Amino acid sequence: MSAELRIAYILQIHKNPEQVNKFIEQLSAEQNADVYVHIDRRHYDQLKNKIVNHSNVTVLNQSLICEWGDFSQVETTLLLLREVLSTQKHYDFVCLKSGQDLLVREGFHDFLAMNKGKIFMNFLDITWKNKGVILLNWPKVTRHRYKPSHPFRMYRRTIKFLYDKGIKIFPNTNYWQGDFELYCGSQWFTISFEAAQYITRFIDENDWFYRYFEKTYTPDEWFFHTLLMNSPFKSQIVNNNHVFLKKGTTIRDRNSPVCLTEADISIIEKSQQFFARKFDEAIDNKVIDYYVNKICGAISKSNFNHEN
């Protein structure tokens, strides 16, 4: 294991503190890893004293209401990035995860040590037709997770359908710099420390970029991808965020990851990814303990071998 590599993990959480602590245990088992935790404001008082108290774990004092599909997801990530940068510590990588992720394969630390300067994030081709989520303004009430039959979800489908037919209702009239191409992909990423510095500096100097996404739908899947793919860091981006997820098959969850159980261990292992999501102790705690014991045991053994 490369002891010189330093990683800052930034977590967005809103429930299951014991499960989060198990994930932190995994992340902290490797050397030189610090964990920064943002707790959704609606659950902050309930959870803040339940997160493990450790020198390498920081629970942010500032807390936002972080909602699915909303710009608050972007704001929360930026808040975490600024917290990391404010410490004046120099890390090699900053890794964004949720409280429902787990390490499922050992060796992530060593993998990053061999790939310094790289950025790992999933992104889709810019010709993807569903740009309406970004090129239109969406009322805040429509930017939530709803059941398939909910009127606002039906409203979204209608607006997207009209956009695909060339009818732009409620266009996003905020300024957009013409030479910037749009990119989208999974929210979760691992970026170099220099890229994290670049993101915050760019936002501070280019308010137009920030403002453009404020009233868009699922901007967390576009904001950072678009920024970095239009930056000097583009050549360092690898189209793989090393996270396994299992998409749902019903109308309700076909575009979202479903919770993983013991029955999924074989497909998780076959994926050869370092992380997986999402897990929920209320649904299957055994699969969580399986991966916590597997990873922490493997890391402890590796550390012992290196020391001897």
C-alpha atoms as a PDB file:
ATOM      1  CA  MET A   1       0.000   0.000   0.000  1.00  0.00           C
ATOM      2  CA  SER A   2       1.239   3.490  -0.865  1.00  0.00           C
ATOM      3  CA  ALA A   3       1.383   5.353   2.445  1.00  0.00           C
ATOM      4  CA  GLU A   4       2.073   8.649   0.696  1.00  0.00           C
ATOM      5  CA  LEU A   5      -1.324   8.879  -1.004  1.00  0.00           C
ATOM      6  CA  ARG A   6      -3.945  10.945   0.818  1.00  0.00           C
ATOM      7  CA  ILE A   7      -7.679  10.760   0.072  1.00  0.00           C
ATOM      8  CA  ALA A   8     -10.506  13.016   1.243  1.00  0.00           C
ATOM      9  CA  TYR A   9     -13.843  11.203   1.175  1.00  0.00           C
ATOM     10  CA  ILE A  10     -16.864  13.519   1.146  1.00  0.00           C
ATOM     11  CA  LEU A  11     -20.170  11.928   2.144  1.00  0.00           C
ATOM     12  CA  GLN A  12     -23.751  13.111   1.749  1.00  0.00           C
ATOM     13  CA  ILE A  13     -25.972  11.361   4.293  1.00  0.00           C
ATOM     14  CA  HIS A  14     -29.503  11.596   5.631  1.00  0.00           C
ATOM     15  CA  LYS A  15     -30.158   8.382   7.604  1.00  0.00           C
ATOM     16  CA  ASN A  16     -28.795   5.146   9.077  1.00  0.00           C
ATOM     17  CA  PRO A  17     -25.871   6.476  11.173  1.00  0.00           C
ATOM     18  CA  GLU A  18     -24.730   2.982  12.210  1.00  0.00           C
ATOM     19  CA  GLN A  19     -24.496   1.983   8.560  1.00  0.00           C
ATOM     20  CA  VAL A  20     -22.629   5.194   7.770  1.00  0.00           C
ATOM     21  CA  ASN A  21     -20.174   4.442  10.577  1.00  0.00           C
ATOM     22  CA  LYS A  22     -19.486   1.031   9.061  1.00  0.00           C
ATOM     23  CA  PHE A  23     -18.698   2.700   5.747  1.00  0.00           C
ATOM     24  CA  ILE A  24     -16.441   5.190   7.526  1.00  0.00           C
ATOM     25  CA  GLU A  25     -14.711   2.235   9.213  1.00  0.00           C
ATOM     26  CA  GLN A  26     -13.955   0.827   5.765  1.00  0.00           C
ATOM     27  CA  LEU A  27     -12.666   4.140   4.441  1.00  0.00           C
ATOM     28  CA  SER A  28     -10.585   4.841   7.538  1.00  0.00           C
ATOM     29  CA  ALA A  29      -8.974   1.420   7.524  1.00  0.00           C
ATOM     30  CA  GLU A  30      -6.687   2.529   4.705  1.00  0.00           C
ATOM     31  CA  GLN A  31      -3.872   4.897   5.600  1.00  0.00           C
ATOM     32  CA  ASN A  32      -4.108   8.675   5.121  1.00  0.00           C
ATOM     33  CA  ALA A  33      -7.831   8.880   4.455  1.00  0.00           C
ATOM     34  CA  ASP A  34     -10.026  11.595   5.977  1.00  0.00           C
ATOM     35  CA  VAL A  35     -13.824  11.621   5.868  1.00  0.00           C
ATOM     36  CA  TYR A  36     -16.001  14.736   5.658  1.00  0.00           C
ATOM     37  CA  VAL A  37     -19.707  14.246   6.333  1.00  0.00           C
ATOM     38  CA  HIS A  38     -22.636  16.459   5.367  1.00  0.00           C
ATOM     39  CA  ILE A  39     -25.913  15.616   7.124  1.00  0.00           C
ATOM     40  CA  ASP A  40     -29.166  16.767   5.557  1.00  0.00           C
ATOM     41  CA  ARG A  41     -30.488  19.654   7.660  1.00  0.00           C
ATOM     42  CA  ARG A  42     -33.809  17.869   8.223  1.00  0.00           C
ATOM     43  CA  HIS A  43     -31.961  15.105  10.086  1.00  0.00           C
ATOM     44  CA  TYR A  44     -28.935  17.008  11.415  1.00  0.00           C
ATOM     45  CA  ASP A  45     -29.901  17.194  15.097  1.00  0.00           C
ATOM     46  CA  GLN A  46     -30.944  13.552  15.092  1.00  0.00           C
ATOM     47  CA  LEU A  47     -27.747  12.228  13.507  1.00  0.00           C
ATOM     48  CA  LYS A  48     -24.877  14.595  14.319  1.00  0.00           C
ATOM     49  CA  ASN A  49     -23.921  12.928  17.616  1.00  0.00           C
ATOM     50  CA  LYS A  50     -24.281   9.420  16.205  1.00  0.00           C
ATOM     51  CA  ILE A  51     -21.484   9.685  13.653  1.00  0.00           C
ATOM     52  CA  VAL A  52     -18.259   8.155  14.945  1.00  0.00           C
ATOM     53  CA  ASN A  53     -16.041  10.627  16.807  1.00  0.00           C
ATOM     54  CA  HIS A  54     -12.580  10.234  15.313  1.00  0.00           C
ATOM     55  CA  SER A  55      -9.687  12.510  14.445  1.00  0.00           C
ATOM     56  CA  ASN A  56     -10.017  11.775  10.734  1.00  0.00           C
ATOM     57  CA  VAL A  57     -13.789  12.344  10.607  1.00  0.00           C
ATOM     58  CA  THR A  58     -15.285  15.822  10.244  1.00  0.00           C
ATOM     59  CA  VAL A  59     -19.021  16.439  10.442  1.00  0.00           C
ATOM     60  CA  LEU A  60     -19.797  19.757   8.783  1.00  0.00           C
ATOM     61  CA  ASN A  61     -21.420  22.347  11.026  1.00  0.00           C
ATOM     62  CA  GLN A  62     -23.175  23.930   8.078  1.00  0.00           C
ATOM     63  CA  SER A  63     -26.077  21.878   6.785  1.00  0.00           C
ATOM     64  CA  LEU A  64     -28.387  22.211   3.788  1.00  0.00           C
ATOM     65  CA  ILE A  65     -31.683  20.607   2.893  1.00  0.00           C
ATOM     66  CA  CYS A  66     -30.458  18.291   0.159  1.00  0.00           C
ATOM     67  CA  GLU A  67     -33.210  17.011  -2.120  1.00  0.00           C
ATOM     68  CA  TRP A  68     -33.171  14.531  -4.968  1.00  0.00           C
ATOM     69  CA  GLY A  69     -33.267  16.112  -8.433  1.00  0.00           C
ATOM     70  CA  ASP A  70     -32.668  19.592  -7.047  1.00  0.00           C
ATOM     71  CA  PHE A  71     -29.816  22.111  -7.239  1.00  0.00           C
ATOM     72  CA  SER A  72     -29.291  21.571  -3.521  1.00  0.00           C
ATOM     73  CA  GLN A  73     -27.383  18.417  -4.502  1.00  0.00           C
ATOM     74  CA  VAL A  74     -24.835  20.595  -6.304  1.00  0.00           C
ATOM     75  CA  GLU A  75     -24.733  23.096  -3.443  1.00  0.00           C
ATOM     76  CA  THR A  76     -24.062  20.308  -0.957  1.00  0.00           C
ATOM     77  CA  THR A  77     -21.192  18.898  -3.014  1.00  0.00           C
ATOM     78  CA  LEU A  78     -19.668  22.367  -3.377  1.00  0.00           C
ATOM     79  CA  LEU A  79     -19.984  22.894   0.372  1.00  0.00           C
ATOM     80  CA  LEU A  80     -18.085  19.663   0.994  1.00  0.00           C
ATOM     81  CA  LEU A  81     -15.382  20.541  -1.530  1.00  0.00           C
ATOM     82  CA  ARG A  82     -14.878  23.945   0.090  1.00  0.00           C
ATOM     83  CA  GLU A  83     -14.668  22.313   3.516  1.00  0.00           C
ATOM     84  CA  VAL A  84     -11.874  20.041   2.299  1.00  0.00           C
ATOM     85  CA  LEU A  85      -9.985  22.923   0.700  1.00  0.00           C
ATOM     86  CA  SER A  86     -10.396  25.124   3.785  1.00  0.00           C
ATOM     87  CA  THR A  87      -8.358  22.687   5.902  1.00  0.00           C
ATOM     88  CA  GLN A  88      -5.194  23.615   3.972  1.00  0.00           C
ATOM     89  CA  LYS A  89      -4.342  19.913   3.835  1.00  0.00           C
ATOM     90  CA  HIS A  90      -3.093  18.620   0.515  1.00  0.00           C
ATOM     91  CA  TYR A  91      -4.837  15.503  -0.693  1.00  0.00           C
ATOM     92  CA  ASP A  92      -4.248  13.553  -3.877  1.00  0.00           C
ATOM     93  CA  PHE A  93      -7.917  12.772  -4.484  1.00  0.00           C
ATOM     94  CA  VAL A  94     -11.383  13.845  -3.367  1.00  0.00           C
ATOM     95  CA  CYS A  95     -13.999  11.120  -3.555  1.00  0.00           C
ATOM     96  CA  LEU A  96     -17.744  11.889  -3.419  1.00  0.00           C
ATOM     97  CA  LYS A  97     -19.951   9.163  -1.958  1.00  0.00           C
ATOM     98  CA  SER A  98     -23.327   8.770  -0.290  1.00  0.00           C
ATOM     99  CA  GLY A  99     -24.056   7.263   3.093  1.00  0.00           C
ATOM    100  CA  GLN A 100     -25.554   4.236   1.341  1.00  0.00           C
ATOM    101  CA  ASP A 101     -22.353   3.231  -0.453  1.00  0.00           C
ATOM    102  CA  LEU A 102     -19.820   0.621   0.609  1.00  0.00           C
ATOM    103  CA  LEU A 103     -16.369  -0.502  -0.432  1.00  0.00           C
ATOM    104  CA  VAL A 104     -16.829  -3.948  -1.967  1.00  0.00           C
ATOM    105  CA  ARG A 105     -13.324  -4.603  -3.290  1.00  0.00           C
ATOM    106  CA  GLU A 106      -9.991  -3.967  -1.615  1.00  0.00           C
ATOM    107  CA  GLY A 107      -7.163  -2.088  -3.295  1.00  0.00           C
ATOM    108  CA  PHE A 108      -8.774   1.268  -4.091  1.00  0.00           C
ATOM    109  CA  HIS A 109      -5.970   3.146  -2.331  1.00  0.00           C
ATOM    110  CA  ASP A 110      -3.291   1.353  -4.344  1.00  0.00           C
ATOM    111  CA  PHE A 111      -5.287   1.802  -7.549  1.00  0.00           C
ATOM    112  CA  LEU A 112      -5.379   5.563  -7.052  1.00  0.00           C
ATOM    113  CA  ALA A 113      -1.685   5.632  -6.178  1.00  0.00           C
ATOM    114  CA  MET A 114      -1.008   4.257  -9.669  1.00  0.00           C
ATOM    115  CA  ASN A 115      -3.342   6.796 -11.269  1.00  0.00           C
ATOM    116  CA  LYS A 116      -2.406  10.118  -9.693  1.00  0.00           C
ATOM    117  CA  GLY A 117      -3.902  13.090 -11.521  1.00  0.00           C
ATOM    118  CA  LYS A 118      -6.740  11.074 -13.049  1.00  0.00           C
ATOM    119  CA  ILE A 119     -10.462  11.819 -12.656  1.00  0.00           C
ATOM    120  CA  PHE A 120     -12.968   8.984 -12.454  1.00  0.00           C
ATOM    121  CA  MET A 121     -16.556   9.844 -13.350  1.00  0.00           C
ATOM    122  CA  ASN A 122     -19.212   8.354 -15.609  1.00  0.00           C
ATOM    123  CA  PHE A 123     -20.408  10.528 -18.475  1.00  0.00           C
ATOM    124  CA  LEU A 124     -22.711  10.062 -21.440  1.00  0.00           C
ATOM    125  CA  ASP A 125     -22.289  11.188 -25.019  1.00  0.00           C
ATOM    126  CA  ILE A 126     -23.309  14.821 -25.501  1.00  0.00           C
ATOM    127  CA  THR A 127     -25.774  13.780 -28.204  1.00  0.00           C
ATOM    128  CA  TRP A 128     -28.026  12.241 -25.533  1.00  0.00           C
ATOM    129  CA  LYS A 129     -31.429  13.648 -26.390  1.00  0.00           C
ATOM    130  CA  ASN A 130     -32.673  14.412 -22.898  1.00  0.00           C
ATOM    131  CA  LYS A 131     -31.026  17.815 -22.638  1.00  0.00           C
ATOM    132  CA  GLY A 132     -34.422  19.276 -21.797  1.00  0.00           C
ATOM    133  CA  VAL A 133     -33.698  18.736 -18.118  1.00  0.00           C
ATOM    134  CA  ILE A 134     -30.970  21.376 -18.436  1.00  0.00           C
ATOM    135  CA  LEU A 135     -32.142  23.588 -21.307  1.00  0.00           C
ATOM    136  CA  LEU A 136     -35.465  24.256 -19.577  1.00  0.00           C
ATOM    137  CA  ASN A 137     -36.321  25.861 -16.236  1.00  0.00           C
ATOM    138  CA  TRP A 138     -38.286  23.618 -13.889  1.00  0.00           C
ATOM    139  CA  PRO A 139     -40.425  24.894 -10.984  1.00  0.00           C
ATOM    140  CA  LYS A 140     -38.949  23.687  -7.700  1.00  0.00           C
ATOM    141  CA  VAL A 141     -42.057  21.688  -6.871  1.00  0.00           C
ATOM    142  CA  THR A 142     -41.451  19.509  -9.936  1.00  0.00           C
ATOM    143  CA  ARG A 143     -37.865  18.664  -8.925  1.00  0.00           C
ATOM    144  CA  HIS A 144     -38.633  15.876  -6.477  1.00  0.00           C
ATOM    145  CA  ARG A 145     -38.939  12.112  -6.533  1.00  0.00           C
ATOM    146  CA  TYR A 146     -42.555  11.142  -7.155  1.00  0.00           C
ATOM    147  CA  LYS A 147     -44.543   7.979  -7.840  1.00  0.00           C
ATOM    148  CA  PRO A 148     -45.098   7.264 -11.573  1.00  0.00           C
ATOM    149  CA  SER A 149     -48.747   8.314 -11.354  1.00  0.00           C
ATOM    150  CA  HIS A 150     -48.071  11.577  -9.522  1.00  0.00           C
ATOM    151  CA  PRO A 151     -49.260  14.676 -11.457  1.00  0.00           C
ATOM    152  CA  PHE A 152     -45.834  16.354 -11.290  1.00  0.00           C
ATOM    153  CA  ARG A 153     -44.089  13.283 -12.674  1.00  0.00           C
ATOM    154  CA  MET A 154     -46.632  13.189 -15.493  1.00  0.00           C
ATOM    155  CA  TYR A 155     -45.991  16.909 -16.000  1.00  0.00           C
ATOM    156  CA  ARG A 156     -42.253  16.226 -16.364  1.00  0.00           C
ATOM    157  CA  ARG A 157     -42.902  13.522 -18.923  1.00  0.00           C
ATOM    158  CA  THR A 158     -45.098  15.855 -20.942  1.00  0.00           C
ATOM    159  CA  ILE A 159     -42.596  18.712 -20.904  1.00  0.00           C
ATOM    160  CA  LYS A 160     -39.761  16.375 -21.921  1.00  0.00           C
ATOM    161  CA  PHE A 161     -41.886  14.887 -24.717  1.00  0.00           C
ATOM    162  CA  LEU A 162     -42.669  18.336 -26.077  1.00  0.00           C
ATOM    163  CA  TYR A 163     -38.988  19.294 -25.882  1.00  0.00           C
ATOM    164  CA  ASP A 164     -38.012  16.216 -27.899  1.00  0.00           C
ATOM    165  CA  LYS A 165     -40.554  17.335 -30.508  1.00  0.00           C
ATOM    166  CA  GLY A 166     -38.921  20.745 -30.691  1.00  0.00           C
ATOM    167  CA  ILE A 167     -41.381  22.599 -28.461  1.00  0.00           C
ATOM    168  CA  LYS A 168     -39.480  24.373 -25.670  1.00  0.00           C
ATOM    169  CA  ILE A 169     -41.825  25.396 -22.886  1.00  0.00           C
ATOM    170  CA  PHE A 170     -40.158  27.438 -20.121  1.00  0.00           C
ATOM    171  CA  PRO A 171     -36.721  27.637 -21.779  1.00  0.00           C
ATOM    172  CA  ASN A 172     -33.701  28.301 -19.597  1.00  0.00           C
ATOM    173  CA  THR A 173     -32.987  31.931 -20.478  1.00  0.00           C
ATOM    174  CA  ASN A 174     -29.930  32.293 -18.231  1.00  0.00           C
ATOM    175  CA  TYR A 175     -26.682  33.112 -19.995  1.00  0.00           C
ATOM    176  CA  TRP A 176     -24.718  30.153 -21.343  1.00  0.00           C
ATOM    177  CA  GLN A 177     -21.256  30.442 -22.850  1.00  0.00           C
ATOM    178  CA  GLY A 178     -21.567  29.146 -26.386  1.00  0.00           C
ATOM    179  CA  ASP A 179     -18.386  27.104 -26.550  1.00  0.00           C
ATOM    180  CA  PHE A 180     -19.345  24.960 -23.548  1.00  0.00           C
ATOM    181  CA  GLU A 181     -20.727  21.523 -24.436  1.00  0.00           C
ATOM    182  CA  LEU A 182     -23.107  19.750 -22.067  1.00  0.00           C
ATOM    183  CA  TYR A 183     -22.177  16.423 -20.481  1.00  0.00           C
ATOM    184  CA  CYS A 184     -24.028  14.274 -17.980  1.00  0.00           C
ATOM    185  CA  GLY A 185     -23.520  11.117 -15.962  1.00  0.00           C
ATOM    186  CA  SER A 186     -23.633   9.584 -12.493  1.00  0.00           C
ATOM    187  CA  GLN A 187     -23.387  12.056  -9.619  1.00  0.00           C
ATOM    188  CA  TRP A 188     -20.632  10.164  -7.774  1.00  0.00           C
ATOM    189  CA  PHE A 189     -16.989  10.799  -8.650  1.00  0.00           C
ATOM    190  CA  THR A 190     -13.345  10.596  -7.631  1.00  0.00           C
ATOM    191  CA  ILE A 191     -11.388  13.660  -8.741  1.00  0.00           C
ATOM    192  CA  SER A 192      -7.839  14.882  -8.314  1.00  0.00           C
ATOM    193  CA  PHE A 193      -7.184  17.524  -5.663  1.00  0.00           C
ATOM    194  CA  GLU A 194      -6.173  19.949  -8.421  1.00  0.00           C
ATOM    195  CA  ALA A 195      -9.539  19.393 -10.120  1.00  0.00           C
ATOM    196  CA  ALA A 196     -11.335  20.150  -6.845  1.00  0.00           C
ATOM    197  CA  GLN A 197      -9.383  23.414  -6.591  1.00  0.00           C
ATOM    198  CA  TYR A 198     -10.228  24.222 -10.197  1.00  0.00           C
ATOM    199  CA  ILE A 199     -13.975  23.623  -9.662  1.00  0.00           C
ATOM    200  CA  THR A 200     -14.288  26.050  -6.750  1.00  0.00           C
ATOM    201  CA  ARG A 201     -12.075  28.645  -8.400  1.00  0.00           C
ATOM    202  CA  PHE A 202     -14.038  28.438 -11.659  1.00  0.00           C
ATOM    203  CA  ILE A 203     -17.366  28.877  -9.846  1.00  0.00           C
ATOM    204  CA  ASP A 204     -16.035  31.875  -7.929  1.00  0.00           C
ATOM    205  CA  GLU A 205     -14.892  33.503 -11.163  1.00  0.00           C
ATOM    206  CA  ASN A 206     -17.807  32.434 -13.406  1.00  0.00           C
ATOM    207  CA  ASP A 207     -21.085  33.094 -11.679  1.00  0.00           C
ATOM    208  CA  TRP A 208     -22.966  32.544 -14.966  1.00  0.00           C
ATOM    209  CA  PHE A 209     -22.199  28.815 -14.865  1.00  0.00           C
ATOM    210  CA  TYR A 210     -23.600  28.430 -11.366  1.00  0.00           C
ATOM    211  CA  ARG A 211     -26.711  30.478 -12.141  1.00  0.00           C
ATOM    212  CA  TYR A 212     -27.514  28.533 -15.299  1.00  0.00           C
ATOM    213  CA  PHE A 213     -28.115  25.310 -13.387  1.00  0.00           C
ATOM    214  CA  GLU A 214     -30.083  26.715 -10.451  1.00  0.00           C
ATOM    215  CA  LYS A 215     -33.568  25.901 -11.777  1.00  0.00           C
ATOM    216  CA  THR A 216     -32.714  22.849 -13.827  1.00  0.00           C
ATOM    217  CA  TYR A 217     -33.742  19.257 -13.142  1.00  0.00           C
ATOM    218  CA  THR A 218     -31.196  16.710 -11.794  1.00  0.00           C
ATOM    219  CA  PRO A 219     -28.330  19.219 -12.204  1.00  0.00           C
ATOM    220  CA  ASP A 220     -26.025  17.063 -10.063  1.00  0.00           C
ATOM    221  CA  GLU A 221     -25.778  14.734 -13.077  1.00  0.00           C
ATOM    222  CA  TRP A 222     -24.635  17.598 -15.335  1.00  0.00           C
ATOM    223  CA  PHE A 223     -22.950  20.357 -13.357  1.00  0.00           C
ATOM    224  CA  PHE A 224     -19.553  18.831 -12.532  1.00  0.00           C
ATOM    225  CA  HIS A 225     -19.370  16.716 -15.683  1.00  0.00           C
ATOM    226  CA  THR A 226     -19.933  19.727 -17.911  1.00  0.00           C
ATOM    227  CA  LEU A 227     -17.492  21.881 -15.961  1.00  0.00           C
ATOM    228  CA  LEU A 228     -14.648  19.358 -16.025  1.00  0.00           C
ATOM    229  CA  MET A 229     -15.226  18.113 -19.578  1.00  0.00           C
ATOM    230  CA  ASN A 230     -14.833  21.722 -20.745  1.00  0.00           C
ATOM    231  CA  SER A 231     -11.699  22.266 -18.676  1.00  0.00           C
ATOM    232  CA  PRO A 232      -7.964  21.606 -19.046  1.00  0.00           C
ATOM    233  CA  PHE A 233      -8.629  18.420 -17.050  1.00  0.00           C
ATOM    234  CA  LYS A 234     -10.662  16.771 -19.815  1.00  0.00           C
ATOM    235  CA  SER A 235      -7.775  14.585 -20.970  1.00  0.00           C
ATOM    236  CA  GLN A 236      -7.417  13.189 -17.440  1.00  0.00           C
ATOM    237  CA  ILE A 237     -11.042  12.003 -17.167  1.00  0.00           C
ATOM    238  CA  VAL A 238     -11.680   8.252 -17.211  1.00  0.00           C
ATOM    239  CA  ASN A 239     -15.267   7.242 -18.008  1.00  0.00           C
ATOM    240  CA  ASN A 240     -15.688   4.972 -14.995  1.00  0.00           C
ATOM    241  CA  ASN A 241     -16.545   6.042 -11.457  1.00  0.00           C
ATOM    242  CA  HIS A 242     -15.865   2.523 -10.146  1.00  0.00           C
ATOM    243  CA  VAL A 243     -19.311   2.200  -8.557  1.00  0.00           C
ATOM    244  CA  PHE A 244     -21.565  -0.807  -9.118  1.00  0.00           C
ATOM    245  CA  LEU A 245     -25.299  -0.230  -9.004  1.00  0.00           C
ATOM    246  CA  LYS A 246     -28.309  -2.292  -9.941  1.00  0.00           C
ATOM    247  CA  LYS A 247     -31.052  -0.436 -11.768  1.00  0.00           C
ATOM    248  CA  GLY A 248     -34.683  -1.177 -11.018  1.00  0.00           C
ATOM    249  CA  THR A 249     -36.923  -2.926 -13.512  1.00  0.00           C
ATOM    250  CA  THR A 250     -40.313  -1.449 -12.644  1.00  0.00           C
ATOM    251  CA  ILE A 251     -41.787   1.835 -13.881  1.00  0.00           C
ATOM    252  CA  ARG A 252     -41.269   3.279 -10.408  1.00  0.00           C
ATOM    253  CA  ASP A 253     -37.544   2.552 -10.108  1.00  0.00           C
ATOM    254  CA  ARG A 254     -36.236   1.786 -13.599  1.00  0.00           C
ATOM    255  CA  ASN A 255     -34.018   4.898 -13.619  1.00  0.00           C
ATOM    256  CA  SER A 256     -32.788   4.524 -10.047  1.00  0.00           C
ATOM    257  CA  PRO A 257     -30.548   2.082  -8.176  1.00  0.00           C
ATOM    258  CA  VAL A 258     -32.355  -0.471  -6.046  1.00  0.00           C
ATOM    259  CA  CYS A 259     -31.112  -1.674  -2.674  1.00  0.00           C
ATOM    260  CA  LEU A 260     -28.643  -4.544  -2.764  1.00  0.00           C
ATOM    261  CA  THR A 261     -29.004  -7.747  -0.745  1.00  0.00           C
ATOM    262  CA  GLU A 262     -27.040 -10.921  -0.040  1.00  0.00           C
ATOM    263  CA  ALA A 263     -28.496 -12.357  -3.234  1.00  0.00           C
ATOM    264  CA  ASP A 264     -26.565  -9.720  -5.201  1.00  0.00           C
ATOM    265  CA  ILE A 265     -23.113 -10.551  -3.849  1.00  0.00           C
ATOM    266  CA  SER A 266     -22.165 -12.644  -6.868  1.00  0.00           C
ATOM    267  CA  ILE A 267     -22.990  -9.912  -9.396  1.00  0.00           C
ATOM    268  CA  ILE A 268     -21.270  -7.300  -7.234  1.00  0.00           C
ATOM    269  CA  GLU A 269     -18.127  -9.443  -7.194  1.00  0.00           C
ATOM    270  CA  LYS A 270     -18.261 -10.007 -10.958  1.00  0.00           C
ATOM    271  CA  SER A 271     -18.475  -6.260 -11.588  1.00  0.00           C
ATOM    272  CA  GLN A 272     -14.904  -5.802 -10.292  1.00  0.00           C
ATOM    273  CA  GLN A 273     -15.853  -2.303  -9.114  1.00  0.00           C
ATOM    274  CA  PHE A 274     -14.435  -0.887  -5.898  1.00  0.00           C
ATOM    275  CA  PHE A 275     -17.715   0.539  -4.570  1.00  0.00           C
ATOM    276  CA  ALA A 276     -21.381  -0.390  -4.755  1.00  0.00           C
ATOM    277  CA  ARG A 277     -24.652   1.332  -3.962  1.00  0.00           C
ATOM    278  CA  LYS A 278     -27.102   1.359  -2.565  1.00  0.00           C
ATOM    279  CA  PHE A 279     -27.335  -0.501   0.704  1.00  0.00           C
ATOM    280  CA  ASP A 280     -29.904  -0.124   3.481  1.00  0.00           C
ATOM    281  CA  GLU A 281     -29.608  -1.754   6.882  1.00  0.00           C
ATOM    282  CA  ALA A 282     -33.392  -1.832   7.184  1.00  0.00           C
ATOM    283  CA  ILE A 283     -33.604  -4.015   4.082  1.00  0.00           C
ATOM    284  CA  ASP A 284     -30.547  -6.268   4.432  1.00  0.00           C
ATOM    285  CA  ASN A 285     -27.935  -5.716   7.119  1.00  0.00           C
ATOM    286  CA  LYS A 286     -26.164  -9.008   6.422  1.00  0.00           C
ATOM    287  CA  VAL A 287     -24.790  -7.853   3.064  1.00  0.00           C
ATOM    288  CA  ILE A 288     -23.458  -4.698   4.742  1.00  0.00           C
ATOM    289  CA  ASP A 289     -21.642  -6.672   7.442  1.00  0.00           C
ATOM    290  CA  TYR A 290     -20.317  -9.066   4.807  1.00  0.00           C
ATOM    291  CA  TYR A 291     -18.534  -6.264   2.939  1.00  0.00           C
ATOM    292  CA  VAL A 292     -17.402  -4.408   6.054  1.00  0.00           C
ATOM    293  CA  ASN A 293     -15.767  -7.577   7.395  1.00  0.00           C
ATOM    294  CA  LYS A 294     -14.354  -8.517   3.988  1.00  0.00           C
ATOM    295  CA  ILE A 295     -12.748  -5.139   3.276  1.00  0.00           C
ATOM    296  CA  CYS A 296     -11.556  -4.257   6.769  1.00  0.00           C
ATOM    297  CA  GLY A 297     -10.098  -7.734   7.202  1.00  0.00           C
ATOM    298  CA  ALA A 298      -8.269  -7.553   3.869  1.00  0.00           C
ATOM    299  CA  ILE A 299      -6.881  -4.084   4.615  1.00  0.00           C
ATOM    300  CA  SER A 300      -5.696  -5.080   8.106  1.00  0.00           C
ATOM    301  CA  LYS A 301      -3.922  -8.093   6.652  1.00  0.00           C
ATOM    302  CA  SER A 302      -2.319  -5.934   3.950  1.00  0.00           C
ATOM    303  CA  ASN A 303      -1.121  -3.381   6.518  1.00  0.00           C
ATOM    304  CA  PHE A 304       0.368  -6.142   8.663  1.00  0.00           C
ATOM    305  CA  ASN A 305       2.233  -7.623   5.678  1.00  0.00           C
ATOM    306  CA  HIS A 306       3.655  -4.226   4.711  1.00  0.00           C
ATOM    307  CA  GLU A 307       4.830  -3.553   8.249  1.00  0.00           C
ATOM    308  CA  ASN A 308       6.588  -6.905   8.410  1.00  0.00           C
END
